Amino acid sequence: MSNYLIEIIVVMILLEIFEASWQRAESVEGILANSYFYYQKSIFIFFLMHPTFYFILFVSLYTSVLNLGIISILIFKALDLLFKLDIINKHFINHNLDIELTNMIKSKVEPWVFLMGLFMYVPILLLSLI
């Protein structure tokens, strides 16, 4: 394994841990409230608080790799951002979220859920680059 691959994986792990740490909450509504906190400051800060999306773009450009794994990570990350923005807009700004979705976001989140990105995206990235 080359040096840049090890460095890329280590940076990705650190960035995923960073994202998991600031999003950590007791419920889905808490996760959205943490996101809304940065969204209120500026939508640019909200996007900057998701550095793994930009890091994957950088890795793809730096390594000239654009395969199914990289594209999958980018699509999942982009959908995550868009979904969060939509729910934040409906729940915190317009206050017109469906009652079913309102009940759903009040559900408790297990602690291991925050590490799902670490256990999902890092192996996909590793397999994409080897």
Protein backbone atom coordinates (compact mmCIF):
# COMPACT_ATOMS: atom_id res chain seq x y z
CA MET A 1 0.00 0.00 0.00
CA SER A 2 1.37 3.37 -0.92
CA ASN A 3 1.83 6.20 1.54
CA TYR A 4 -0.85 8.42 0.10
CA LEU A 5 -3.46 5.69 0.51
CA ILE A 6 -2.71 5.30 4.23
CA GLU A 7 -2.79 9.07 4.69
CA ILE A 8 -6.08 9.40 2.82
CA ILE A 9 -7.71 6.68 4.93
CA VAL A 10 -6.42 8.20 8.20
CA VAL A 11 -7.72 11.66 7.22
CA MET A 12 -11.07 10.17 6.21
CA ILE A 13 -11.34 8.38 9.58
CA LEU A 14 -10.57 11.62 11.44
CA LEU A 15 -13.08 13.61 9.39
CA GLU A 16 -15.79 10.98 9.93
CA ILE A 17 -15.13 11.07 13.69
CA PHE A 18 -15.37 14.87 13.58
CA GLU A 19 -18.73 14.72 11.80
CA ALA A 20 -20.05 12.06 14.16
CA SER A 21 -18.97 14.05 17.23
CA TRP A 22 -20.76 17.30 16.43
CA GLN A 23 -23.94 15.56 15.25
CA ARG A 24 -24.23 13.34 18.33
CA ALA A 25 -27.63 13.63 20.07
CA GLU A 26 -30.27 11.57 21.86
CA SER A 27 -32.79 11.68 19.00
CA VAL A 28 -33.04 12.41 15.29
CA GLU A 29 -34.56 15.76 16.23
CA GLY A 30 -31.44 16.48 18.29
CA ILE A 31 -29.23 15.67 15.32
CA LEU A 32 -31.28 18.04 13.18
CA ALA A 33 -31.13 20.70 15.92
CA ASN A 34 -27.33 20.42 15.93
CA SER A 35 -27.35 20.88 12.16
CA TYR A 36 -29.82 23.76 12.43
CA PHE A 37 -27.46 25.50 14.88
CA TYR A 38 -24.85 25.82 12.12
CA TYR A 39 -27.49 26.46 9.47
CA GLN A 40 -28.68 29.50 11.46
CA LYS A 41 -25.18 30.95 11.48
CA SER A 42 -24.77 30.50 7.72
CA ILE A 43 -25.64 27.89 5.16
CA PHE A 44 -21.96 27.92 4.18
CA ILE A 45 -20.95 26.96 7.72
CA PHE A 46 -23.55 24.19 7.58
CA PHE A 47 -21.90 22.83 4.42
CA LEU A 48 -18.41 23.25 5.87
CA MET A 49 -19.40 21.12 8.85
CA HIS A 50 -19.59 18.17 6.43
CA PRO A 51 -15.93 18.03 5.33
CA THR A 52 -15.96 14.40 4.17
CA PHE A 53 -18.01 15.34 1.11
CA TYR A 54 -15.35 17.81 0.00
CA PHE A 55 -12.56 15.44 0.98
CA ILE A 56 -13.98 12.70 -1.25
CA LEU A 57 -14.15 15.21 -4.11
CA PHE A 58 -10.53 16.14 -3.46
CA VAL A 59 -9.44 12.49 -3.29
CA SER A 60 -11.21 11.75 -6.55
CA LEU A 61 -9.47 14.65 -8.30
CA TYR A 62 -6.08 13.98 -6.68
CA THR A 63 -6.02 10.27 -7.49
CA SER A 64 -7.94 10.53 -10.79
CA VAL A 65 -10.26 7.79 -9.54
CA LEU A 66 -13.95 8.06 -10.27
CA ASN A 67 -15.46 4.63 -9.89
CA LEU A 68 -18.65 3.18 -8.43
CA GLY A 69 -17.36 3.43 -4.84
CA ILE A 70 -16.43 7.11 -5.06
CA ILE A 71 -19.65 7.97 -6.87
CA SER A 72 -21.69 6.04 -4.28
CA ILE A 73 -20.09 7.91 -1.39
CA LEU A 74 -20.68 11.26 -3.11
CA ILE A 75 -24.32 10.42 -3.85
CA PHE A 76 -25.00 9.23 -0.27
CA LYS A 77 -23.30 12.31 1.20
CA ALA A 78 -25.16 14.68 -1.15
CA LEU A 79 -28.51 13.03 -0.41
CA ASP A 80 -27.78 13.25 3.32
CA LEU A 81 -27.11 16.99 3.04
CA LEU A 82 -30.19 17.63 0.90
CA PHE A 83 -32.43 15.56 3.17
CA LYS A 84 -31.16 17.39 6.25
CA LEU A 85 -31.74 20.77 4.61
CA ASP A 86 -35.27 19.79 3.61
CA ILE A 87 -36.21 18.49 7.07
CA ILE A 88 -34.59 21.50 8.80
CA ASN A 89 -36.57 23.83 6.55
CA LYS A 90 -39.85 22.03 7.18
CA HIS A 91 -39.39 21.42 10.92
CA PHE A 92 -37.52 24.44 12.28
CA ILE A 93 -38.32 27.22 9.80
CA ASN A 94 -41.76 26.60 8.27
CA HIS A 95 -43.12 24.39 11.08
CA ASN A 96 -45.11 22.28 8.63
CA LEU A 97 -43.54 18.84 8.96
CA ASP A 98 -45.96 15.92 8.61
CA ILE A 99 -47.14 14.48 11.92
CA GLU A 100 -45.78 11.05 11.00
CA LEU A 101 -42.34 12.46 10.28
CA THR A 102 -42.50 14.60 13.42
CA ASN A 103 -43.12 11.49 15.51
CA MET A 104 -40.37 9.66 13.67
CA ILE A 105 -37.69 12.30 14.31
CA LYS A 106 -38.45 12.26 18.02
CA SER A 107 -37.29 8.63 18.20
CA LYS A 108 -34.20 7.73 20.18
CA VAL A 109 -30.93 7.10 18.34
CA GLU A 110 -28.54 4.39 19.49
CA PRO A 111 -24.92 5.50 20.12
CA TRP A 112 -23.47 3.20 17.45
CA VAL A 113 -25.49 4.95 14.71
CA PHE A 114 -23.05 7.87 14.74
CA LEU A 115 -20.20 5.57 13.79
CA MET A 116 -22.06 4.14 10.79
CA GLY A 117 -20.36 6.60 8.45
CA LEU A 118 -16.99 5.48 9.76
CA PHE A 119 -17.80 1.81 9.21
CA MET A 120 -19.50 2.37 5.87
CA TYR A 121 -17.63 5.10 3.97
CA VAL A 122 -14.04 4.30 4.96
CA PRO A 123 -14.10 0.69 3.67
CA ILE A 124 -15.82 1.80 0.46
CA LEU A 125 -13.15 4.46 -0.02
CA LEU A 126 -10.38 1.97 0.67
CA LEU A 127 -11.79 -0.53 -1.81
CA SER A 128 -12.23 2.23 -4.38
CA LEU A 129 -8.61 3.29 -4.19
CA ILE A 130 -6.86 -0.09 -4.24
